[in-house]
Amino acid sequence: MMILTSEEWNLSLKQFSDAHILQTAEWGDLKSNYSWKPVRFSEGGCYAQILFRRLPGGFSIGYIPKGPLGRDSKEFWLELIKIGNHNRAIMIKIEPDDLFTETSQLNTPMDIGNFVSSRPIQPAQTIVLDINGDERTILDRMKQKTRYNIHLAEKKGISVQVSNDIRSFHQMMITTGSRDGFGTHSYDYYQKAYDLFSTRGKCVLLKAGYGNVDLAAVMLFCNGRRCWYFYGASTDIERNRMPVYLLQWEAIRWAKAQGCEYYDLWGIPDAPEFVLEDEFSTRSDGLWGVYRFKRGFGGKIVKTPESMDLILQPQMYKMLMWWLKFRNRGVEIG
């Protein structure tokens, strides 16, 4: 087993050109500022970045977001258990990546650990756009109404620019979170995320505006062939000018310019496609509202592989699950 530094980890990731952004060293470094400790290790050609978070009593929980990378082995899982025990982890949640990488090849040896299926922390389903081909081809894959709104925004004077104004972006996130009922991060969090990834060419902030007024913004992250739309915000003014549609189109164009082939819209309701199509026009709870918007850009619905909890301390795990259910919440990761 090898424990790797941040620099060694990113060098190792070069053999996995399509590694998920949540398995990059930058993501671990970001989370290290907010009560998480990244541990990066390799065993037998399989790699994992684990995030550990301390709990009361000296215990911790572990989390492998969108990993491990490579083909696993019995030896890999045994070393993972050792690392978990060393950090007094009650459990380690494992959320494999989707079919774009080798992480779909997990062959978990159930005889060496207590693995149970578990609820994922990251979205269970997403929409992924294929952005190969020319711009006309990408636009043709969209719904007619979405194409119309993109052109309408252009006609109504909306412009999209690259920005580094995280303060303004944070204020828009607060407005959006309050309006749509979801939690937001602090200004410091968005600034650190932007600084860590943008200096390596893996992040951009795009803003849509009318005149001198900012109307909407997105923060994008890219690695390998993929780009992810993680954070988006909009104000309550000039919405009739459809700024969010042109903003997404320019985000897609930016991703394509970075050499990406897939654009991940990141998060839709966890329901079969026929249910999504039957109910999207009448529901607005949870992720249903964003599904109405995202479906217009075309793309393929991708369901992520099943997540697992590797239970290291069964009695404490039962208590932890009870506490999380009592609090009616999960563990904040994103």
C-alpha atoms as a PDB file:
ATOM      1  CA  MET A   1       0.000   0.000   0.000  1.00  0.00           C
ATOM      2  CA  MET A   2       1.159   3.522  -0.780  1.00  0.00           C
ATOM      3  CA  ILE A   3      -0.139   6.672   0.917  1.00  0.00           C
ATOM      4  CA  LEU A   4       0.144   9.524  -1.588  1.00  0.00           C
ATOM      5  CA  THR A   5       0.585  13.267  -1.214  1.00  0.00           C
ATOM      6  CA  SER A   6      -1.620  15.705  -3.109  1.00  0.00           C
ATOM      7  CA  GLU A   7       1.022  16.121  -5.804  1.00  0.00           C
ATOM      8  CA  GLU A   8       1.668  12.379  -6.093  1.00  0.00           C
ATOM      9  CA  TRP A   9      -2.058  11.744  -6.308  1.00  0.00           C
ATOM     10  CA  ASN A  10      -2.615  14.031  -9.282  1.00  0.00           C
ATOM     11  CA  LEU A  11       0.389  12.502 -11.038  1.00  0.00           C
ATOM     12  CA  SER A  12      -1.138   9.068 -10.503  1.00  0.00           C
ATOM     13  CA  LEU A  13      -4.474  10.292 -11.863  1.00  0.00           C
ATOM     14  CA  LYS A  14      -2.889  10.926 -15.259  1.00  0.00           C
ATOM     15  CA  GLN A  15      -3.399   7.217 -15.994  1.00  0.00           C
ATOM     16  CA  PHE A  16      -7.125   7.766 -15.422  1.00  0.00           C
ATOM     17  CA  SER A  17      -7.825  10.557 -17.869  1.00  0.00           C
ATOM     18  CA  ASP A  18     -11.549  10.437 -17.141  1.00  0.00           C
ATOM     19  CA  ALA A  19     -11.344  10.480 -13.350  1.00  0.00           C
ATOM     20  CA  HIS A  20     -14.256  12.279 -11.747  1.00  0.00           C
ATOM     21  CA  ILE A  21     -13.574  15.786 -10.457  1.00  0.00           C
ATOM     22  CA  LEU A  22     -14.480  14.614  -6.916  1.00  0.00           C
ATOM     23  CA  GLN A  23     -11.495  12.258  -6.980  1.00  0.00           C
ATOM     24  CA  THR A  24      -8.971  14.976  -7.831  1.00  0.00           C
ATOM     25  CA  ALA A  25      -6.498  16.199  -5.245  1.00  0.00           C
ATOM     26  CA  GLU A  26      -7.975  19.687  -5.527  1.00  0.00           C
ATOM     27  CA  TRP A  27     -11.341  18.428  -4.283  1.00  0.00           C
ATOM     28  CA  GLY A  28      -9.716  16.750  -1.303  1.00  0.00           C
ATOM     29  CA  ASP A  29      -7.739  19.917  -0.587  1.00  0.00           C
ATOM     30  CA  LEU A  30     -10.952  21.954  -0.750  1.00  0.00           C
ATOM     31  CA  LYS A  31     -12.760  19.685   1.702  1.00  0.00           C
ATOM     32  CA  SER A  32      -9.763  19.742   4.066  1.00  0.00           C
ATOM     33  CA  ASN A  33     -10.725  23.329   4.878  1.00  0.00           C
ATOM     34  CA  TYR A  34     -14.165  22.193   6.079  1.00  0.00           C
ATOM     35  CA  SER A  35     -13.677  19.436   8.652  1.00  0.00           C
ATOM     36  CA  TRP A  36     -12.653  16.683   6.216  1.00  0.00           C
ATOM     37  CA  LYS A  37      -9.294  14.933   6.048  1.00  0.00           C
ATOM     38  CA  PRO A  38      -8.300  13.457   2.678  1.00  0.00           C
ATOM     39  CA  VAL A  39      -6.331  10.212   2.638  1.00  0.00           C
ATOM     40  CA  ARG A  40      -5.116   9.046  -0.763  1.00  0.00           C
ATOM     41  CA  PHE A  41      -3.761   5.543  -1.278  1.00  0.00           C
ATOM     42  CA  SER A  42      -3.117   2.900  -3.915  1.00  0.00           C
ATOM     43  CA  GLU A  43      -2.967  -0.878  -3.745  1.00  0.00           C
ATOM     44  CA  GLY A  44      -2.431  -3.217  -6.651  1.00  0.00           C
ATOM     45  CA  GLY A  45      -3.256  -0.640  -9.299  1.00  0.00           C
ATOM     46  CA  CYS A  46      -6.449   0.551  -7.607  1.00  0.00           C
ATOM     47  CA  TYR A  47      -6.589   4.090  -6.222  1.00  0.00           C
ATOM     48  CA  ALA A  48      -8.919   5.872  -3.810  1.00  0.00           C
ATOM     49  CA  GLN A  49      -9.182   9.317  -2.249  1.00  0.00           C
ATOM     50  CA  ILE A  50     -11.048   8.921   1.042  1.00  0.00           C
ATOM     51  CA  LEU A  51     -12.490  11.850   2.966  1.00  0.00           C
ATOM     52  CA  PHE A  52     -12.711  11.354   6.747  1.00  0.00           C
ATOM     53  CA  ARG A  53     -14.841  13.528   8.983  1.00  0.00           C
ATOM     54  CA  ARG A  54     -14.521  13.511  12.759  1.00  0.00           C
ATOM     55  CA  LEU A  55     -17.524  12.740  14.915  1.00  0.00           C
ATOM     56  CA  PRO A  56     -18.013  13.167  18.677  1.00  0.00           C
ATOM     57  CA  GLY A  57     -16.130  10.666  20.804  1.00  0.00           C
ATOM     58  CA  GLY A  58     -13.128  10.473  18.499  1.00  0.00           C
ATOM     59  CA  PHE A  59     -14.925   8.447  15.824  1.00  0.00           C
ATOM     60  CA  SER A  60     -15.167   9.353  12.161  1.00  0.00           C
ATOM     61  CA  ILE A  61     -16.967   8.524   8.951  1.00  0.00           C
ATOM     62  CA  GLY A  62     -15.231   7.914   5.636  1.00  0.00           C
ATOM     63  CA  TYR A  63     -16.420   8.707   2.141  1.00  0.00           C
ATOM     64  CA  ILE A  64     -15.063   7.793  -1.306  1.00  0.00           C
ATOM     65  CA  PRO A  65     -16.874  10.066  -3.781  1.00  0.00           C
ATOM     66  CA  LYS A  66     -16.922   8.722  -7.352  1.00  0.00           C
ATOM     67  CA  GLY A  67     -14.256   6.124  -6.784  1.00  0.00           C
ATOM     68  CA  PRO A  68     -12.173   4.081  -6.432  1.00  0.00           C
ATOM     69  CA  LEU A  69     -10.249   4.274  -9.686  1.00  0.00           C
ATOM     70  CA  GLY A  70      -9.003   1.207 -11.515  1.00  0.00           C
ATOM     71  CA  ARG A  71      -9.781  -2.467 -10.999  1.00  0.00           C
ATOM     72  CA  ASP A  72     -10.156  -3.435  -7.381  1.00  0.00           C
ATOM     73  CA  SER A  73      -8.864  -6.535  -5.617  1.00  0.00           C
ATOM     74  CA  LYS A  74      -9.196  -8.280  -2.281  1.00  0.00           C
ATOM     75  CA  GLU A  75      -5.929  -6.664  -1.199  1.00  0.00           C
ATOM     76  CA  PHE A  76      -7.317  -3.212  -1.989  1.00  0.00           C
ATOM     77  CA  TRP A  77     -10.360  -3.730   0.254  1.00  0.00           C
ATOM     78  CA  LEU A  78      -8.247  -5.143   3.083  1.00  0.00           C
ATOM     79  CA  GLU A  79      -6.036  -2.050   3.009  1.00  0.00           C
ATOM     80  CA  LEU A  80      -9.105   0.186   2.912  1.00  0.00           C
ATOM     81  CA  ILE A  81     -10.400  -1.505   6.062  1.00  0.00           C
ATOM     82  CA  LYS A  82      -7.026  -0.940   7.762  1.00  0.00           C
ATOM     83  CA  ILE A  83      -7.087   2.755   6.887  1.00  0.00           C
ATOM     84  CA  GLY A  84     -10.657   3.037   8.127  1.00  0.00           C
ATOM     85  CA  ASN A  85      -9.826   1.354  11.427  1.00  0.00           C
ATOM     86  CA  HIS A  86      -6.768   3.563  11.857  1.00  0.00           C
ATOM     87  CA  ASN A  87      -9.070   6.605  11.565  1.00  0.00           C
ATOM     88  CA  ARG A  88     -11.651   5.030  13.924  1.00  0.00           C
ATOM     89  CA  ALA A  89     -14.217   5.140  11.135  1.00  0.00           C
ATOM     90  CA  ILE A  90     -17.665   3.792  11.887  1.00  0.00           C
ATOM     91  CA  MET A  91     -18.229   3.264   8.167  1.00  0.00           C
ATOM     92  CA  ILE A  92     -16.882   4.199   4.757  1.00  0.00           C
ATOM     93  CA  LYS A  93     -19.409   5.196   2.115  1.00  0.00           C
ATOM     94  CA  ILE A  94     -18.384   4.214  -1.409  1.00  0.00           C
ATOM     95  CA  GLU A  95     -20.054   5.907  -4.367  1.00  0.00           C
ATOM     96  CA  PRO A  96     -18.643   4.510  -7.634  1.00  0.00           C
ATOM     97  CA  ASP A  97     -18.438   6.627 -10.743  1.00  0.00           C
ATOM     98  CA  ASP A  98     -20.661   6.018 -13.765  1.00  0.00           C
ATOM     99  CA  LEU A  99     -19.740   4.130 -16.916  1.00  0.00           C
ATOM    100  CA  PHE A 100     -17.280   6.698 -18.227  1.00  0.00           C
ATOM    101  CA  THR A 101     -14.446   5.162 -16.182  1.00  0.00           C
ATOM    102  CA  GLU A 102     -13.170   1.836 -14.978  1.00  0.00           C
ATOM    103  CA  THR A 103     -14.792   2.399 -11.602  1.00  0.00           C
ATOM    104  CA  SER A 104     -17.815   0.556 -12.942  1.00  0.00           C
ATOM    105  CA  GLN A 105     -15.704  -2.618 -12.769  1.00  0.00           C
ATOM    106  CA  LEU A 106     -15.867  -2.984  -8.993  1.00  0.00           C
ATOM    107  CA  ASN A 107     -15.880  -6.582  -7.845  1.00  0.00           C
ATOM    108  CA  THR A 108     -16.463  -6.113  -4.130  1.00  0.00           C
ATOM    109  CA  PRO A 109     -15.438  -9.216  -2.137  1.00  0.00           C
ATOM    110  CA  MET A 110     -18.289  -9.511   0.331  1.00  0.00           C
ATOM    111  CA  ASP A 111     -16.454 -12.158   2.370  1.00  0.00           C
ATOM    112  CA  ILE A 112     -13.907  -9.683   3.761  1.00  0.00           C
ATOM    113  CA  GLY A 113     -16.188  -6.889   4.960  1.00  0.00           C
ATOM    114  CA  ASN A 114     -19.695  -5.921   5.955  1.00  0.00           C
ATOM    115  CA  PHE A 115     -21.041  -4.134   2.866  1.00  0.00           C
ATOM    116  CA  VAL A 116     -24.628  -2.900   2.620  1.00  0.00           C
ATOM    117  CA  SER A 117     -26.451  -0.967  -0.079  1.00  0.00           C
ATOM    118  CA  SER A 118     -26.940   2.647   0.939  1.00  0.00           C
ATOM    119  CA  ARG A 119     -28.491   5.918  -0.065  1.00  0.00           C
ATOM    120  CA  PRO A 120     -26.121   8.021  -2.189  1.00  0.00           C
ATOM    121  CA  ILE A 121     -24.961  11.487  -1.168  1.00  0.00           C
ATOM    122  CA  GLN A 122     -24.371  12.772  -4.690  1.00  0.00           C
ATOM    123  CA  PRO A 123     -27.320  12.787  -7.121  1.00  0.00           C
ATOM    124  CA  ALA A 124     -28.481   9.287  -8.041  1.00  0.00           C
ATOM    125  CA  GLN A 125     -29.325  10.392 -11.585  1.00  0.00           C
ATOM    126  CA  THR A 126     -28.101  13.043 -13.942  1.00  0.00           C
ATOM    127  CA  ILE A 127     -28.399  14.153 -17.543  1.00  0.00           C
ATOM    128  CA  VAL A 128     -25.229  13.971 -19.623  1.00  0.00           C
ATOM    129  CA  LEU A 129     -24.983  15.843 -22.916  1.00  0.00           C
ATOM    130  CA  ASP A 130     -22.840  14.537 -25.746  1.00  0.00           C
ATOM    131  CA  ILE A 131     -21.092  17.683 -26.998  1.00  0.00           C
ATOM    132  CA  ASN A 132     -19.162  16.047 -29.812  1.00  0.00           C
ATOM    133  CA  GLY A 133     -19.805  17.418 -33.270  1.00  0.00           C
ATOM    134  CA  ASP A 134     -20.330  21.009 -34.355  1.00  0.00           C
ATOM    135  CA  GLU A 135     -22.540  23.532 -32.581  1.00  0.00           C
ATOM    136  CA  ARG A 136     -25.413  23.009 -35.010  1.00  0.00           C
ATOM    137  CA  THR A 137     -25.430  19.312 -34.158  1.00  0.00           C
ATOM    138  CA  ILE A 138     -25.487  20.029 -30.410  1.00  0.00           C
ATOM    139  CA  LEU A 139     -28.321  22.537 -30.804  1.00  0.00           C
ATOM    140  CA  ASP A 140     -30.314  20.097 -32.927  1.00  0.00           C
ATOM    141  CA  ARG A 141     -30.299  17.614 -30.029  1.00  0.00           C
ATOM    142  CA  MET A 142     -32.117  20.133 -27.821  1.00  0.00           C
ATOM    143  CA  LYS A 143     -35.856  20.654 -27.467  1.00  0.00           C
ATOM    144  CA  GLN A 144     -37.244  23.257 -29.828  1.00  0.00           C
ATOM    145  CA  LYS A 145     -38.346  25.513 -26.941  1.00  0.00           C
ATOM    146  CA  THR A 146     -34.839  25.510 -25.459  1.00  0.00           C
ATOM    147  CA  ARG A 147     -33.282  26.514 -28.772  1.00  0.00           C
ATOM    148  CA  TYR A 148     -35.900  29.254 -29.057  1.00  0.00           C
ATOM    149  CA  ASN A 149     -35.075  30.597 -25.578  1.00  0.00           C
ATOM    150  CA  ILE A 150     -31.350  30.622 -26.322  1.00  0.00           C
ATOM    151  CA  HIS A 151     -31.924  32.736 -29.428  1.00  0.00           C
ATOM    152  CA  LEU A 152     -34.457  34.899 -27.580  1.00  0.00           C
ATOM    153  CA  ALA A 153     -31.888  35.732 -24.908  1.00  0.00           C
ATOM    154  CA  GLU A 154     -29.433  36.807 -27.607  1.00  0.00           C
ATOM    155  CA  LYS A 155     -32.057  39.001 -29.277  1.00  0.00           C
ATOM    156  CA  LYS A 156     -33.033  40.576 -25.951  1.00  0.00           C
ATOM    157  CA  GLY A 157     -29.497  41.776 -25.249  1.00  0.00           C
ATOM    158  CA  ILE A 158     -28.212  39.148 -22.797  1.00  0.00           C
ATOM    159  CA  SER A 159     -24.427  38.789 -22.783  1.00  0.00           C
ATOM    160  CA  VAL A 160     -22.277  36.125 -21.134  1.00  0.00           C
ATOM    161  CA  GLN A 161     -18.788  36.834 -19.810  1.00  0.00           C
ATOM    162  CA  VAL A 162     -16.057  35.024 -17.920  1.00  0.00           C
ATOM    163  CA  SER A 163     -15.799  36.467 -14.411  1.00  0.00           C
ATOM    164  CA  ASN A 164     -13.802  36.076 -11.209  1.00  0.00           C
ATOM    165  CA  ASP A 165     -16.262  37.989  -9.018  1.00  0.00           C
ATOM    166  CA  ILE A 166     -17.074  35.294  -6.473  1.00  0.00           C
ATOM    167  CA  ARG A 167     -18.634  37.819  -4.090  1.00  0.00           C
ATOM    168  CA  SER A 168     -21.375  38.672  -6.596  1.00  0.00           C
ATOM    169  CA  PHE A 169     -21.831  34.977  -7.406  1.00  0.00           C
ATOM    170  CA  HIS A 170     -22.294  34.171  -3.724  1.00  0.00           C
ATOM    171  CA  GLN A 171     -24.958  36.834  -3.368  1.00  0.00           C
ATOM    172  CA  MET A 172     -26.831  35.356  -6.324  1.00  0.00           C
ATOM    173  CA  MET A 173     -26.526  31.883  -4.759  1.00  0.00           C
ATOM    174  CA  ILE A 174     -28.151  33.193  -1.572  1.00  0.00           C
ATOM    175  CA  THR A 175     -31.028  34.635  -3.630  1.00  0.00           C
ATOM    176  CA  THR A 176     -31.470  31.382  -5.525  1.00  0.00           C
ATOM    177  CA  GLY A 177     -31.285  29.197  -2.424  1.00  0.00           C
ATOM    178  CA  SER A 178     -33.852  31.313  -0.626  1.00  0.00           C
ATOM    179  CA  ARG A 179     -36.208  31.281  -3.614  1.00  0.00           C
ATOM    180  CA  ASP A 180     -35.869  27.576  -4.468  1.00  0.00           C
ATOM    181  CA  GLY A 181     -35.429  26.155  -0.975  1.00  0.00           C
ATOM    182  CA  PHE A 182     -31.922  24.686  -0.994  1.00  0.00           C
ATOM    183  CA  GLY A 183     -28.835  25.279   1.113  1.00  0.00           C
ATOM    184  CA  THR A 184     -25.821  27.212  -0.113  1.00  0.00           C
ATOM    185  CA  HIS A 185     -22.172  27.351   0.841  1.00  0.00           C
ATOM    186  CA  SER A 186     -20.345  30.314   2.321  1.00  0.00           C
ATOM    187  CA  TYR A 187     -18.555  32.915   0.248  1.00  0.00           C
ATOM    188  CA  ASP A 188     -15.279  31.487   1.539  1.00  0.00           C
ATOM    189  CA  TYR A 189     -16.180  28.026   0.219  1.00  0.00           C
ATOM    190  CA  TYR A 190     -16.918  29.200  -3.331  1.00  0.00           C
ATOM    191  CA  GLN A 191     -13.802  31.357  -3.352  1.00  0.00           C
ATOM    192  CA  LYS A 192     -11.566  28.476  -2.255  1.00  0.00           C
ATOM    193  CA  ALA A 193     -13.146  26.135  -4.809  1.00  0.00           C
ATOM    194  CA  TYR A 194     -12.620  28.678  -7.562  1.00  0.00           C
ATOM    195  CA  ASP A 195      -9.022  29.403  -6.550  1.00  0.00           C
ATOM    196  CA  LEU A 196      -8.023  25.739  -6.267  1.00  0.00           C
ATOM    197  CA  PHE A 197      -9.431  24.639  -9.608  1.00  0.00           C
ATOM    198  CA  SER A 198      -9.223  27.733 -11.823  1.00  0.00           C
ATOM    199  CA  THR A 199      -5.450  28.043 -11.372  1.00  0.00           C
ATOM    200  CA  ARG A 200      -5.189  24.560 -12.916  1.00  0.00           C
ATOM    201  CA  GLY A 201      -7.577  25.328 -15.752  1.00  0.00           C
ATOM    202  CA  LYS A 202     -10.310  23.124 -14.289  1.00  0.00           C
ATOM    203  CA  CYS A 203     -12.897  25.746 -13.313  1.00  0.00           C
ATOM    204  CA  VAL A 204     -14.602  28.805 -14.753  1.00  0.00           C
ATOM    205  CA  LEU A 205     -17.226  31.255 -13.543  1.00  0.00           C
ATOM    206  CA  LEU A 206     -19.576  32.506 -16.253  1.00  0.00           C
ATOM    207  CA  LYS A 207     -22.051  35.336 -15.731  1.00  0.00           C
ATOM    208  CA  ALA A 208     -25.029  36.378 -17.807  1.00  0.00           C
ATOM    209  CA  GLY A 209     -26.043  40.019 -17.664  1.00  0.00           C
ATOM    210  CA  TYR A 210     -28.143  42.732 -19.212  1.00  0.00           C
ATOM    211  CA  GLY A 211     -26.356  46.023 -19.465  1.00  0.00           C
ATOM    212  CA  ASN A 212     -24.372  46.381 -16.240  1.00  0.00           C
ATOM    213  CA  VAL A 213     -26.652  44.115 -14.199  1.00  0.00           C
ATOM    214  CA  ASP A 214     -25.700  40.507 -13.388  1.00  0.00           C
ATOM    215  CA  LEU A 215     -28.677  38.174 -13.829  1.00  0.00           C
ATOM    216  CA  ALA A 216     -27.312  34.626 -13.528  1.00  0.00           C
ATOM    217  CA  ALA A 217     -24.078  32.714 -13.117  1.00  0.00           C
ATOM    218  CA  VAL A 218     -22.670  29.184 -13.244  1.00  0.00           C
ATOM    219  CA  MET A 219     -19.497  27.667 -11.829  1.00  0.00           C
ATOM    220  CA  LEU A 220     -18.212  24.796 -13.966  1.00  0.00           C
ATOM    221  CA  PHE A 221     -15.558  22.170 -13.281  1.00  0.00           C
ATOM    222  CA  CYS A 222     -13.806  20.027 -15.877  1.00  0.00           C
ATOM    223  CA  ASN A 223     -11.409  17.090 -15.956  1.00  0.00           C
ATOM    224  CA  GLY A 224     -10.529  14.858 -18.865  1.00  0.00           C
ATOM    225  CA  ARG A 225     -13.442  14.460 -21.261  1.00  0.00           C
ATOM    226  CA  ARG A 226     -16.088  15.709 -18.834  1.00  0.00           C
ATOM    227  CA  CYS A 227     -17.420  19.013 -17.564  1.00  0.00           C
ATOM    228  CA  TRP A 228     -19.782  19.333 -14.592  1.00  0.00           C
ATOM    229  CA  TYR A 229     -22.348  22.033 -13.899  1.00  0.00           C
ATOM    230  CA  PHE A 230     -22.156  22.019 -10.082  1.00  0.00           C
ATOM    231  CA  TYR A 231     -23.338  25.456  -8.990  1.00  0.00           C
ATOM    232  CA  GLY A 232     -25.832  27.783 -10.645  1.00  0.00           C
ATOM    233  CA  ALA A 233     -27.562  30.956  -9.509  1.00  0.00           C
ATOM    234  CA  SER A 234     -29.994  33.512 -10.858  1.00  0.00           C
ATOM    235  CA  THR A 235     -31.684  36.687  -9.679  1.00  0.00           C
ATOM    236  CA  ASP A 236     -35.394  37.505  -9.795  1.00  0.00           C
ATOM    237  CA  ILE A 237     -35.099  40.279 -12.356  1.00  0.00           C
ATOM    238  CA  GLU A 238     -35.254  40.290 -16.171  1.00  0.00           C
ATOM    239  CA  ARG A 239     -36.189  36.607 -16.206  1.00  0.00           C
ATOM    240  CA  ASN A 240     -38.311  37.191 -19.303  1.00  0.00           C
ATOM    241  CA  ARG A 241     -35.040  37.704 -21.191  1.00  0.00           C
ATOM    242  CA  MET A 242     -34.179  34.006 -20.575  1.00  0.00           C
ATOM    243  CA  PRO A 243     -30.595  34.615 -19.363  1.00  0.00           C
ATOM    244  CA  VAL A 244     -30.178  31.116 -17.903  1.00  0.00           C
ATOM    245  CA  TYR A 245     -30.680  29.500 -21.316  1.00  0.00           C
ATOM    246  CA  LEU A 246     -27.975  31.485 -23.063  1.00  0.00           C
ATOM    247  CA  LEU A 247     -25.759  31.028 -20.006  1.00  0.00           C
ATOM    248  CA  GLN A 248     -26.018  27.232 -20.260  1.00  0.00           C
ATOM    249  CA  TRP A 249     -25.339  27.340 -23.968  1.00  0.00           C
ATOM    250  CA  GLU A 250     -22.178  29.386 -23.414  1.00  0.00           C
ATOM    251  CA  ALA A 251     -21.204  26.960 -20.634  1.00  0.00           C
ATOM    252  CA  ILE A 252     -21.495  24.094 -23.112  1.00  0.00           C
ATOM    253  CA  ARG A 253     -19.399  26.033 -25.619  1.00  0.00           C
ATOM    254  CA  TRP A 254     -16.753  26.684 -22.943  1.00  0.00           C
ATOM    255  CA  ALA A 255     -16.627  22.978 -22.048  1.00  0.00           C
ATOM    256  CA  LYS A 256     -16.215  22.063 -25.702  1.00  0.00           C
ATOM    257  CA  ALA A 257     -13.368  24.589 -26.040  1.00  0.00           C
ATOM    258  CA  GLN A 258     -11.560  22.814 -23.173  1.00  0.00           C
ATOM    259  CA  GLY A 259     -11.650  19.570 -25.135  1.00  0.00           C
ATOM    260  CA  CYS A 260     -14.539  18.043 -23.186  1.00  0.00           C
ATOM    261  CA  GLU A 261     -16.859  15.603 -24.918  1.00  0.00           C
ATOM    262  CA  TYR A 262     -19.548  15.326 -22.248  1.00  0.00           C
ATOM    263  CA  TYR A 263     -21.379  17.958 -20.216  1.00  0.00           C
ATOM    264  CA  ASP A 264     -22.923  16.729 -16.963  1.00  0.00           C
ATOM    265  CA  LEU A 265     -25.958  18.735 -15.835  1.00  0.00           C
ATOM    266  CA  TRP A 266     -25.581  17.167 -12.365  1.00  0.00           C
ATOM    267  CA  GLY A 267     -28.725  16.077 -10.662  1.00  0.00           C
ATOM    268  CA  ILE A 268     -32.313  15.194 -11.571  1.00  0.00           C
ATOM    269  CA  PRO A 269     -35.031  13.313  -9.647  1.00  0.00           C
ATOM    270  CA  ASP A 270     -34.317   9.644  -9.014  1.00  0.00           C
ATOM    271  CA  ALA A 271     -37.212   8.197 -11.007  1.00  0.00           C
ATOM    272  CA  PRO A 272     -37.597   6.113 -14.189  1.00  0.00           C
ATOM    273  CA  GLU A 273     -37.571   8.118 -17.381  1.00  0.00           C
ATOM    274  CA  PHE A 274     -41.233   7.405 -18.141  1.00  0.00           C
ATOM    275  CA  VAL A 275     -42.187   8.816 -14.710  1.00  0.00           C
ATOM    276  CA  LEU A 276     -40.017  11.871 -15.261  1.00  0.00           C
ATOM    277  CA  GLU A 277     -41.695  12.549 -18.584  1.00  0.00           C
ATOM    278  CA  ASP A 278     -45.180  11.934 -17.220  1.00  0.00           C
ATOM    279  CA  GLU A 279     -44.840  14.212 -14.196  1.00  0.00           C
ATOM    280  CA  PHE A 280     -42.308  16.962 -14.957  1.00  0.00           C
ATOM    281  CA  SER A 281     -44.961  19.439 -16.094  1.00  0.00           C
ATOM    282  CA  THR A 282     -46.969  19.192 -12.873  1.00  0.00           C
ATOM    283  CA  ARG A 283     -44.318  18.815 -10.159  1.00  0.00           C
ATOM    284  CA  SER A 284     -41.913  21.390  -8.761  1.00  0.00           C
ATOM    285  CA  ASP A 285     -40.744  19.780  -5.499  1.00  0.00           C
ATOM    286  CA  GLY A 286     -37.116  18.759  -4.984  1.00  0.00           C
ATOM    287  CA  LEU A 287     -35.242  18.447  -8.275  1.00  0.00           C
ATOM    288  CA  TRP A 288     -38.376  18.393 -10.436  1.00  0.00           C
ATOM    289  CA  GLY A 289     -38.150  22.075 -11.244  1.00  0.00           C
ATOM    290  CA  VAL A 290     -34.575  21.802 -12.472  1.00  0.00           C
ATOM    291  CA  TYR A 291     -35.465  18.691 -14.470  1.00  0.00           C
ATOM    292  CA  ARG A 292     -37.947  20.725 -16.504  1.00  0.00           C
ATOM    293  CA  PHE A 293     -35.106  23.082 -17.380  1.00  0.00           C
ATOM    294  CA  LYS A 294     -32.349  20.511 -17.916  1.00  0.00           C
ATOM    295  CA  ARG A 295     -34.346  18.095 -20.088  1.00  0.00           C
ATOM    296  CA  GLY A 296     -34.628  20.792 -22.737  1.00  0.00           C
ATOM    297  CA  PHE A 297     -30.917  20.548 -23.536  1.00  0.00           C
ATOM    298  CA  GLY A 298     -31.270  16.965 -24.713  1.00  0.00           C
ATOM    299  CA  GLY A 299     -28.819  14.413 -23.432  1.00  0.00           C
ATOM    300  CA  LYS A 300     -28.994  10.996 -21.873  1.00  0.00           C
ATOM    301  CA  ILE A 301     -30.298  10.144 -18.421  1.00  0.00           C
ATOM    302  CA  VAL A 302     -27.526   8.360 -16.520  1.00  0.00           C
ATOM    303  CA  LYS A 303     -28.162   6.487 -13.288  1.00  0.00           C
ATOM    304  CA  THR A 304     -25.116   6.175 -11.076  1.00  0.00           C
ATOM    305  CA  PRO A 305     -23.986   2.768  -9.800  1.00  0.00           C
ATOM    306  CA  GLU A 306     -25.299   1.592  -6.451  1.00  0.00           C
ATOM    307  CA  SER A 307     -23.552   3.097  -3.445  1.00  0.00           C
ATOM    308  CA  MET A 308     -22.334   0.956  -0.562  1.00  0.00           C
ATOM    309  CA  ASP A 309     -21.511   1.425   3.092  1.00  0.00           C
ATOM    310  CA  LEU A 310     -18.547  -0.572   4.341  1.00  0.00           C
ATOM    311  CA  ILE A 311     -19.484  -1.007   8.003  1.00  0.00           C
ATOM    312  CA  LEU A 312     -16.497  -1.164  10.338  1.00  0.00           C
ATOM    313  CA  GLN A 313     -18.282  -0.753  13.691  1.00  0.00           C
ATOM    314  CA  PRO A 314     -21.764  -2.336  13.454  1.00  0.00           C
ATOM    315  CA  GLN A 315     -23.225  -1.081  16.746  1.00  0.00           C
ATOM    316  CA  MET A 316     -21.982   2.457  16.223  1.00  0.00           C
ATOM    317  CA  TYR A 317     -23.275   2.293  12.639  1.00  0.00           C
ATOM    318  CA  LYS A 318     -26.781   1.505  13.903  1.00  0.00           C
ATOM    319  CA  MET A 319     -26.604   4.462  16.262  1.00  0.00           C
ATOM    320  CA  LEU A 320     -25.334   6.727  13.475  1.00  0.00           C
ATOM    321  CA  MET A 321     -28.160   5.704  11.128  1.00  0.00           C
ATOM    322  CA  TRP A 322     -30.705   6.316  13.883  1.00  0.00           C
ATOM    323  CA  TRP A 323     -29.265   9.749  14.580  1.00  0.00           C
ATOM    324  CA  LEU A 324     -29.258  10.722  10.895  1.00  0.00           C
ATOM    325  CA  LYS A 325     -32.850   9.541  10.533  1.00  0.00           C
ATOM    326  CA  PHE A 326     -33.851  11.431  13.682  1.00  0.00           C
ATOM    327  CA  ARG A 327     -32.216  14.570  12.349  1.00  0.00           C
ATOM    328  CA  ASN A 328     -33.794  13.876   8.928  1.00  0.00           C
ATOM    329  CA  ARG A 329     -30.598  14.712   7.145  1.00  0.00           C
ATOM    330  CA  GLY A 330     -27.532  13.221   5.573  1.00  0.00           C
ATOM    331  CA  VAL A 331     -23.893  14.207   5.779  1.00  0.00           C
ATOM    332  CA  GLU A 332     -23.030  17.310   3.802  1.00  0.00           C
ATOM    333  CA  ILE A 333     -20.419  16.543   1.176  1.00  0.00           C
ATOM    334  CA  GLY A 334     -20.937  18.689  -1.931  1.00  0.00           C
END
